[in-house]
Amino acid sequence: MTSLLTGPDGRARCAWTGDDPEYRRYHDEEWGTALHGDRALFEKMALEGFQAGLSWITILRKRPRFREVFAGFDPQIVAEFGPDDVDRLMADAGIIRNRAKILATISNAVLVRDMADGELDALMWSFAPTASARRPRELGDVPAVTDASTALSKTLRKRGFRFVGPTTMYALMQSSGMVDDHVDGCWRAIAD
């Protein structure tokens, strides 16, 4: 398995981007970039939860509609969603229509709404490794779960969050820049 692909622009990227322009854009502009803010991290948590069992490109393609129907992932608004909203979301072919994931997103919004401003951000980032691990040389070196993602998952679950398993939380840590898993040779890899 190749770990790097060179795009039409001549840049070497992590091979998971394939030849999809949206994946390349996401890799270049978002994945592994530090993301802060309760609202932004709530959105990331929700979308990573919806992604469970699916490919991330499916979520990326549906993300604009997700943002529209979930009020921009404003936890204050989503926390007030009721049964009519759940029915509306279940009928919307523009998103992933999974009742358990929709209900989890709403209940997670209630938890975020009830936290102090900045608390979700501080909590999640407190699990970011302080010392950078050795850069993955190839995609096979990138873990699916770490001790930090397991600890974050356990902490969130104790607080009542759902769809926040260790693998999902590691994906969130990667995508929000808490860890840098750009493989060696990727143009986005931070020099060691």
C-alpha atoms as a PDB file:
ATOM      1  CA  MET A   1       0.000   0.000   0.000  1.00  0.00           C
ATOM      2  CA  THR A   2       1.386   3.348  -1.000  1.00  0.00           C
ATOM      3  CA  SER A   3       1.401   6.016   1.693  1.00  0.00           C
ATOM      4  CA  LEU A   4       1.774   9.067  -0.541  1.00  0.00           C
ATOM      5  CA  LEU A   5       0.071  10.222  -3.714  1.00  0.00           C
ATOM      6  CA  THR A   6       1.174  13.126  -5.844  1.00  0.00           C
ATOM      7  CA  GLY A   7      -1.743  15.306  -6.892  1.00  0.00           C
ATOM      8  CA  PRO A   8      -2.218  17.233 -10.122  1.00  0.00           C
ATOM      9  CA  ASP A   9      -0.548  20.212  -8.416  1.00  0.00           C
ATOM     10  CA  GLY A  10       2.645  18.196  -7.871  1.00  0.00           C
ATOM     11  CA  ARG A  11       2.229  18.001  -4.084  1.00  0.00           C
ATOM     12  CA  ALA A  12       2.716  14.712  -2.246  1.00  0.00           C
ATOM     13  CA  ARG A  13      -0.189  13.981   0.097  1.00  0.00           C
ATOM     14  CA  CYS A  14      -1.291  11.236   2.453  1.00  0.00           C
ATOM     15  CA  ALA A  15      -2.590   8.528   0.105  1.00  0.00           C
ATOM     16  CA  TRP A  16      -6.021   8.292   1.792  1.00  0.00           C
ATOM     17  CA  THR A  17      -6.981  11.390  -0.211  1.00  0.00           C
ATOM     18  CA  GLY A  18      -7.066   9.311  -3.385  1.00  0.00           C
ATOM     19  CA  ASP A  19      -7.958  11.303  -6.470  1.00  0.00           C
ATOM     20  CA  ASP A  20     -11.013  13.016  -4.995  1.00  0.00           C
ATOM     21  CA  PRO A  21     -10.725  16.837  -5.147  1.00  0.00           C
ATOM     22  CA  GLU A  22     -12.849  17.297  -1.990  1.00  0.00           C
ATOM     23  CA  TYR A  23     -10.640  14.865  -0.052  1.00  0.00           C
ATOM     24  CA  ARG A  24      -7.544  16.738  -1.255  1.00  0.00           C
ATOM     25  CA  ARG A  25      -9.056  20.080  -0.201  1.00  0.00           C
ATOM     26  CA  TYR A  26     -10.035  18.659   3.203  1.00  0.00           C
ATOM     27  CA  HIS A  27      -6.552  17.198   3.698  1.00  0.00           C
ATOM     28  CA  ASP A  28      -4.840  20.422   2.653  1.00  0.00           C
ATOM     29  CA  GLU A  29      -7.035  22.906   4.521  1.00  0.00           C
ATOM     30  CA  GLU A  30      -8.586  21.135   7.514  1.00  0.00           C
ATOM     31  CA  TRP A  31      -7.269  17.715   8.521  1.00  0.00           C
ATOM     32  CA  GLY A  32      -4.609  18.062  11.197  1.00  0.00           C
ATOM     33  CA  THR A  33      -5.158  21.802  11.605  1.00  0.00           C
ATOM     34  CA  ALA A  34      -5.800  22.990  15.167  1.00  0.00           C
ATOM     35  CA  LEU A  35      -9.522  23.472  15.673  1.00  0.00           C
ATOM     36  CA  HIS A  36     -10.816  25.291  18.737  1.00  0.00           C
ATOM     37  CA  GLY A  37     -14.160  26.438  20.041  1.00  0.00           C
ATOM     38  CA  ASP A  38     -17.038  24.600  21.641  1.00  0.00           C
ATOM     39  CA  ARG A  39     -19.291  24.954  18.612  1.00  0.00           C
ATOM     40  CA  ALA A  40     -16.635  23.804  16.137  1.00  0.00           C
ATOM     41  CA  LEU A  41     -15.685  20.821  18.292  1.00  0.00           C
ATOM     42  CA  PHE A  42     -19.346  19.945  18.882  1.00  0.00           C
ATOM     43  CA  GLU A  43     -19.813  19.875  15.097  1.00  0.00           C
ATOM     44  CA  LYS A  44     -16.722  17.720  14.687  1.00  0.00           C
ATOM     45  CA  MET A  45     -17.949  15.350  17.415  1.00  0.00           C
ATOM     46  CA  ALA A  46     -21.373  15.074  15.786  1.00  0.00           C
ATOM     47  CA  LEU A  47     -20.017  14.491  12.286  1.00  0.00           C
ATOM     48  CA  GLU A  48     -17.460  11.946  13.477  1.00  0.00           C
ATOM     49  CA  GLY A  49     -20.327  10.154  15.230  1.00  0.00           C
ATOM     50  CA  PHE A  50     -22.400  10.146  12.052  1.00  0.00           C
ATOM     51  CA  GLN A  51     -19.374   8.830  10.159  1.00  0.00           C
ATOM     52  CA  ALA A  52     -19.105   5.669  12.280  1.00  0.00           C
ATOM     53  CA  GLY A  53     -19.427   2.757   9.860  1.00  0.00           C
ATOM     54  CA  LEU A  54     -19.231   4.985   6.779  1.00  0.00           C
ATOM     55  CA  SER A  55     -16.513   6.680   4.775  1.00  0.00           C
ATOM     56  CA  TRP A  56     -15.500  10.221   5.711  1.00  0.00           C
ATOM     57  CA  ILE A  57     -16.013  11.414   2.132  1.00  0.00           C
ATOM     58  CA  THR A  58     -19.720  10.601   2.543  1.00  0.00           C
ATOM     59  CA  ILE A  59     -19.839  12.972   5.511  1.00  0.00           C
ATOM     60  CA  LEU A  60     -17.847  15.664   3.726  1.00  0.00           C
ATOM     61  CA  ARG A  61     -20.249  15.620   0.801  1.00  0.00           C
ATOM     62  CA  LYS A  62     -23.236  15.844   3.137  1.00  0.00           C
ATOM     63  CA  ARG A  63     -21.676  18.353   5.539  1.00  0.00           C
ATOM     64  CA  PRO A  64     -23.323  21.457   4.029  1.00  0.00           C
ATOM     65  CA  ARG A  65     -26.749  19.886   4.482  1.00  0.00           C
ATOM     66  CA  PHE A  66     -25.861  18.675   7.982  1.00  0.00           C
ATOM     67  CA  ARG A  67     -24.903  22.236   8.888  1.00  0.00           C
ATOM     68  CA  GLU A  68     -28.139  23.561   7.461  1.00  0.00           C
ATOM     69  CA  VAL A  69     -30.502  21.134   9.208  1.00  0.00           C
ATOM     70  CA  PHE A  70     -28.578  21.180  12.514  1.00  0.00           C
ATOM     71  CA  ALA A  71     -28.635  25.003  12.766  1.00  0.00           C
ATOM     72  CA  GLY A  72     -24.922  25.347  12.100  1.00  0.00           C
ATOM     73  CA  PHE A  73     -24.316  22.935  14.982  1.00  0.00           C
ATOM     74  CA  ASP A  74     -25.126  25.651  17.482  1.00  0.00           C
ATOM     75  CA  PRO A  75     -25.498  23.596  20.673  1.00  0.00           C
ATOM     76  CA  GLN A  76     -27.905  26.167  22.126  1.00  0.00           C
ATOM     77  CA  ILE A  77     -30.330  25.583  19.242  1.00  0.00           C
ATOM     78  CA  VAL A  78     -29.771  21.844  18.707  1.00  0.00           C
ATOM     79  CA  ALA A  79     -30.332  21.217  22.431  1.00  0.00           C
ATOM     80  CA  GLU A  80     -33.908  22.445  21.959  1.00  0.00           C
ATOM     81  CA  PHE A  81     -34.720  20.013  19.121  1.00  0.00           C
ATOM     82  CA  GLY A  82     -37.761  17.896  19.883  1.00  0.00           C
ATOM     83  CA  PRO A  83     -39.671  14.970  18.346  1.00  0.00           C
ATOM     84  CA  ASP A  84     -40.814  17.025  15.332  1.00  0.00           C
ATOM     85  CA  ASP A  85     -37.193  17.908  14.589  1.00  0.00           C
ATOM     86  CA  VAL A  86     -36.182  14.253  14.852  1.00  0.00           C
ATOM     87  CA  ASP A  87     -38.940  13.343  12.369  1.00  0.00           C
ATOM     88  CA  ARG A  88     -37.813  16.169  10.057  1.00  0.00           C
ATOM     89  CA  LEU A  89     -34.202  14.953  10.203  1.00  0.00           C
ATOM     90  CA  MET A  90     -35.195  11.322   9.651  1.00  0.00           C
ATOM     91  CA  ALA A  91     -37.017  12.387   6.477  1.00  0.00           C
ATOM     92  CA  ASP A  92     -34.069  14.384   5.093  1.00  0.00           C
ATOM     93  CA  ALA A  93     -32.202  12.377   2.433  1.00  0.00           C
ATOM     94  CA  GLY A  94     -29.415  14.985   2.478  1.00  0.00           C
ATOM     95  CA  ILE A  95     -28.006  13.635   5.757  1.00  0.00           C
ATOM     96  CA  ILE A  96     -27.348  10.254   7.332  1.00  0.00           C
ATOM     97  CA  ARG A  97     -30.785   9.190   8.573  1.00  0.00           C
ATOM     98  CA  ASN A  98     -29.864   7.205  11.651  1.00  0.00           C
ATOM     99  CA  ARG A  99     -32.217   7.816  14.574  1.00  0.00           C
ATOM    100  CA  ALA A 100     -29.694   6.798  17.235  1.00  0.00           C
ATOM    101  CA  LYS A 101     -27.073   9.197  15.843  1.00  0.00           C
ATOM    102  CA  ILE A 102     -29.593  12.027  15.519  1.00  0.00           C
ATOM    103  CA  LEU A 103     -30.777  11.519  19.099  1.00  0.00           C
ATOM    104  CA  ALA A 104     -27.164  11.329  20.312  1.00  0.00           C
ATOM    105  CA  THR A 105     -26.362  14.625  18.572  1.00  0.00           C
ATOM    106  CA  ILE A 106     -29.305  16.307  20.291  1.00  0.00           C
ATOM    107  CA  SER A 107     -28.492  14.888  23.726  1.00  0.00           C
ATOM    108  CA  ASN A 108     -24.809  15.765  23.255  1.00  0.00           C
ATOM    109  CA  ALA A 109     -25.890  19.330  22.399  1.00  0.00           C
ATOM    110  CA  VAL A 110     -27.728  19.523  25.731  1.00  0.00           C
ATOM    111  CA  LEU A 111     -24.537  18.506  27.530  1.00  0.00           C
ATOM    112  CA  VAL A 112     -22.455  21.077  25.637  1.00  0.00           C
ATOM    113  CA  ARG A 113     -25.070  23.793  26.225  1.00  0.00           C
ATOM    114  CA  ASP A 114     -24.925  23.097  29.960  1.00  0.00           C
ATOM    115  CA  MET A 115     -21.129  23.365  30.105  1.00  0.00           C
ATOM    116  CA  ALA A 116     -19.314  26.609  30.820  1.00  0.00           C
ATOM    117  CA  ASP A 117     -18.187  28.562  27.780  1.00  0.00           C
ATOM    118  CA  GLY A 118     -14.937  27.036  26.519  1.00  0.00           C
ATOM    119  CA  GLU A 119     -15.251  23.952  28.709  1.00  0.00           C
ATOM    120  CA  LEU A 120     -15.680  21.446  25.864  1.00  0.00           C
ATOM    121  CA  ASP A 121     -12.664  22.896  24.063  1.00  0.00           C
ATOM    122  CA  ALA A 122     -10.525  22.776  27.202  1.00  0.00           C
ATOM    123  CA  LEU A 123     -11.689  19.264  28.053  1.00  0.00           C
ATOM    124  CA  MET A 124     -10.992  17.814  24.619  1.00  0.00           C
ATOM    125  CA  TRP A 125      -7.649  19.547  24.170  1.00  0.00           C
ATOM    126  CA  SER A 126      -6.528  18.370  27.606  1.00  0.00           C
ATOM    127  CA  PHE A 127      -6.188  14.907  26.011  1.00  0.00           C
ATOM    128  CA  ALA A 128      -3.926  16.089  23.188  1.00  0.00           C
ATOM    129  CA  PRO A 129      -0.482  14.534  23.572  1.00  0.00           C
ATOM    130  CA  THR A 130       2.003  17.059  24.905  1.00  0.00           C
ATOM    131  CA  ALA A 131       4.996  15.558  23.145  1.00  0.00           C
ATOM    132  CA  SER A 132       4.676  14.773  19.486  1.00  0.00           C
ATOM    133  CA  ALA A 133       4.976  11.108  18.729  1.00  0.00           C
ATOM    134  CA  ARG A 134       7.253  10.038  15.943  1.00  0.00           C
ATOM    135  CA  ARG A 135       5.755  10.924  12.569  1.00  0.00           C
ATOM    136  CA  PRO A 136       4.148   7.949  10.839  1.00  0.00           C
ATOM    137  CA  ARG A 137       6.374   6.806   8.002  1.00  0.00           C
ATOM    138  CA  GLU A 138       3.500   5.097   6.220  1.00  0.00           C
ATOM    139  CA  LEU A 139      -0.258   4.800   6.556  1.00  0.00           C
ATOM    140  CA  GLY A 140       0.114   1.436   8.281  1.00  0.00           C
ATOM    141  CA  ASP A 141       1.868   3.227  11.160  1.00  0.00           C
ATOM    142  CA  VAL A 142      -1.193   5.382  11.901  1.00  0.00           C
ATOM    143  CA  PRO A 143      -3.157   3.945  14.823  1.00  0.00           C
ATOM    144  CA  ALA A 144      -6.947   3.708  14.949  1.00  0.00           C
ATOM    145  CA  VAL A 145      -7.032   4.078  18.741  1.00  0.00           C
ATOM    146  CA  THR A 146      -4.587   5.427  21.318  1.00  0.00           C
ATOM    147  CA  ASP A 147      -4.472   5.603  25.085  1.00  0.00           C
ATOM    148  CA  ALA A 148      -5.362   9.304  24.813  1.00  0.00           C
ATOM    149  CA  SER A 149      -8.416   8.681  22.603  1.00  0.00           C
ATOM    150  CA  THR A 150      -9.554   5.907  24.940  1.00  0.00           C
ATOM    151  CA  ALA A 151      -9.212   8.218  27.944  1.00  0.00           C
ATOM    152  CA  LEU A 152     -11.077  11.026  26.147  1.00  0.00           C
ATOM    153  CA  SER A 153     -13.836   8.598  25.196  1.00  0.00           C
ATOM    154  CA  LYS A 154     -14.188   7.344  28.779  1.00  0.00           C
ATOM    155  CA  THR A 155     -14.303  10.879  30.150  1.00  0.00           C
ATOM    156  CA  LEU A 156     -16.952  11.985  27.669  1.00  0.00           C
ATOM    157  CA  ARG A 157     -19.031   8.851  28.265  1.00  0.00           C
ATOM    158  CA  LYS A 158     -18.920   9.433  32.028  1.00  0.00           C
ATOM    159  CA  ARG A 159     -20.401  12.870  31.337  1.00  0.00           C
ATOM    160  CA  GLY A 160     -23.192  11.266  29.286  1.00  0.00           C
ATOM    161  CA  PHE A 161     -21.948  11.840  25.721  1.00  0.00           C
ATOM    162  CA  ARG A 162     -22.841   9.215  23.132  1.00  0.00           C
ATOM    163  CA  PHE A 163     -21.217   8.038  19.886  1.00  0.00           C
ATOM    164  CA  VAL A 164     -17.825   9.030  21.260  1.00  0.00           C
ATOM    165  CA  GLY A 165     -15.980   5.698  21.176  1.00  0.00           C
ATOM    166  CA  PRO A 166     -12.170   5.538  21.231  1.00  0.00           C
ATOM    167  CA  THR A 167     -11.844   5.124  17.443  1.00  0.00           C
ATOM    168  CA  THR A 168     -14.253   7.984  16.780  1.00  0.00           C
ATOM    169  CA  MET A 169     -12.388  10.172  19.244  1.00  0.00           C
ATOM    170  CA  TYR A 170      -9.046   9.354  17.632  1.00  0.00           C
ATOM    171  CA  ALA A 171     -10.465  10.395  14.268  1.00  0.00           C
ATOM    172  CA  LEU A 172     -11.612  13.635  15.920  1.00  0.00           C
ATOM    173  CA  MET A 173      -8.155  14.150  17.436  1.00  0.00           C
ATOM    174  CA  GLN A 174      -6.575  13.712  13.998  1.00  0.00           C
ATOM    175  CA  SER A 175      -9.008  15.937  12.145  1.00  0.00           C
ATOM    176  CA  SER A 176      -8.916  18.714  14.743  1.00  0.00           C
ATOM    177  CA  GLY A 177      -5.123  18.823  14.942  1.00  0.00           C
ATOM    178  CA  MET A 178      -4.727  17.371  18.429  1.00  0.00           C
ATOM    179  CA  VAL A 179      -2.387  14.877  16.772  1.00  0.00           C
ATOM    180  CA  ASP A 180      -0.501  15.189  13.502  1.00  0.00           C
ATOM    181  CA  ASP A 181      -0.709  11.987  11.486  1.00  0.00           C
ATOM    182  CA  HIS A 182       0.385  13.361   8.118  1.00  0.00           C
ATOM    183  CA  VAL A 183       2.807  10.703   6.914  1.00  0.00           C
ATOM    184  CA  ASP A 184       6.471  11.377   6.323  1.00  0.00           C
ATOM    185  CA  GLY A 185       6.887  13.100   2.972  1.00  0.00           C
ATOM    186  CA  CYS A 186       3.414  14.683   2.912  1.00  0.00           C
ATOM    187  CA  TRP A 187       3.623  18.383   2.145  1.00  0.00           C
ATOM    188  CA  ARG A 188       1.507  19.084   5.248  1.00  0.00           C
ATOM    189  CA  ALA A 189       3.802  17.141   7.578  1.00  0.00           C
ATOM    190  CA  ILE A 190       5.388  19.391  10.168  1.00  0.00           C
ATOM    191  CA  ALA A 191       9.141  19.090  10.025  1.00  0.00           C
ATOM    192  CA  ASP A 192      10.464  16.882  12.808  1.00  0.00           C
END
